[in-house]
Amino acid sequence: MVESEPTRLLRQIREANRGGDVHLVGGPRTIETFRQLRALDFLGLIVVPVVVGEGMQLTPALGLDTRLTLDAERSLPTEAVEIVYACK
């Protein structure tokens, strides 16, 4: 199912999932949309060390109300690193 209205999609996911974990996969626009809806408990990133150009900004500039606390990190066998932040 594809839903173009984030608020409605969030409501559908919560109703269908009944309080269980949901893993949302997406890019900067998806992250920022659901962060603004205060629907993120954790933000997990996989950092792949490739040196190309200037890189990509993950989200637009964040407000002072954004609180991320490092929750976990681990090295992956592919030389990438998984980083998990708790969103407050």
Protein backbone atom coordinates (compact mmCIF):
# COMPACT_ATOMS: atom_id res chain seq x y z
CA MET A 1 0.00 0.00 0.00
CA VAL A 2 1.21 3.49 -0.81
CA GLU A 3 -0.19 6.40 1.13
CA SER A 4 0.65 9.99 0.22
CA GLU A 5 -0.63 11.59 3.44
CA PRO A 6 1.88 10.94 6.27
CA THR A 7 -0.59 11.62 9.10
CA ARG A 8 -3.09 9.14 7.68
CA LEU A 9 -0.33 6.57 7.02
CA LEU A 10 0.89 6.91 10.61
CA ARG A 11 -2.64 6.36 11.93
CA GLN A 12 -3.07 3.26 9.72
CA ILE A 13 0.26 1.81 10.85
CA ARG A 14 -0.57 2.37 14.53
CA GLU A 15 -4.02 0.78 14.16
CA ALA A 16 -2.70 -2.24 12.25
CA ASN A 17 0.32 -2.76 14.48
CA ARG A 18 -1.42 -2.44 17.87
CA GLY A 19 1.55 -0.94 19.69
CA GLY A 20 4.31 -3.17 18.30
CA ASP A 21 7.55 -2.03 16.72
CA VAL A 22 7.53 -0.55 13.23
CA HIS A 23 10.65 -0.19 11.14
CA LEU A 24 10.39 2.68 8.68
CA VAL A 25 12.91 2.75 5.86
CA GLY A 26 13.47 5.90 3.87
CA GLY A 27 15.65 8.84 3.07
CA PRO A 28 15.93 12.40 4.33
CA ARG A 29 12.38 13.42 3.40
CA THR A 30 10.83 10.40 5.12
CA ILE A 31 12.93 10.91 8.25
CA GLU A 32 12.07 14.59 8.51
CA THR A 33 8.35 14.02 7.84
CA PHE A 34 7.97 11.46 10.63
CA ARG A 35 10.29 13.39 12.97
CA GLN A 36 8.01 16.42 12.64
CA LEU A 37 5.04 14.17 13.49
CA ARG A 38 6.98 13.08 16.60
CA ALA A 39 6.61 9.49 15.39
CA LEU A 40 10.26 8.45 15.78
CA ASP A 41 11.42 6.75 18.97
CA PHE A 42 14.76 5.74 17.48
CA LEU A 43 16.70 6.80 14.41
CA GLY A 44 19.05 4.14 13.07
CA LEU A 45 21.70 4.98 10.51
CA ILE A 46 24.16 2.83 8.65
CA VAL A 47 27.26 4.80 7.73
CA VAL A 48 29.23 3.44 4.79
CA PRO A 49 32.69 4.97 4.49
CA VAL A 50 32.81 6.07 0.86
CA VAL A 51 34.63 9.27 0.03
CA VAL A 52 32.75 10.89 -2.86
CA GLY A 53 32.04 14.57 -3.29
CA GLU A 54 30.57 16.57 -0.44
CA GLY A 55 28.08 14.07 0.94
CA MET A 56 24.37 14.50 1.54
CA GLN A 57 22.64 16.33 4.37
CA LEU A 58 20.39 13.87 6.22
CA THR A 59 17.65 16.36 7.13
CA PRO A 60 16.99 20.06 6.71
CA ALA A 61 18.33 22.27 9.48
CA LEU A 62 16.79 21.05 12.74
CA GLY A 63 15.29 23.26 15.42
CA LEU A 64 16.65 23.62 18.93
CA ASP A 65 13.86 21.31 20.15
CA THR A 66 15.48 18.32 18.41
CA ARG A 67 17.05 15.96 20.92
CA LEU A 68 19.04 12.93 19.78
CA THR A 69 20.84 10.77 22.31
CA LEU A 70 23.28 8.09 21.21
CA ASP A 71 21.70 4.76 22.11
CA ALA A 72 23.96 2.20 20.42
CA GLU A 73 26.65 1.73 17.84
CA ARG A 74 28.26 -1.32 16.29
CA SER A 75 30.73 -2.15 13.56
CA LEU A 76 29.41 -4.25 10.72
CA PRO A 77 31.47 -6.84 8.81
CA THR A 78 31.30 -4.66 5.68
CA GLU A 79 33.34 -1.88 7.39
CA ALA A 80 30.15 0.13 7.80
CA VAL A 81 28.91 1.32 11.19
CA GLU A 82 25.36 1.17 12.55
CA ILE A 83 24.45 4.11 14.79
CA VAL A 84 21.18 4.32 16.71
CA TYR A 85 19.89 7.49 18.34
CA ALA A 86 16.96 7.81 20.73
CA CYS A 87 14.65 10.64 19.63
CA LYS A 88 13.24 12.78 22.41
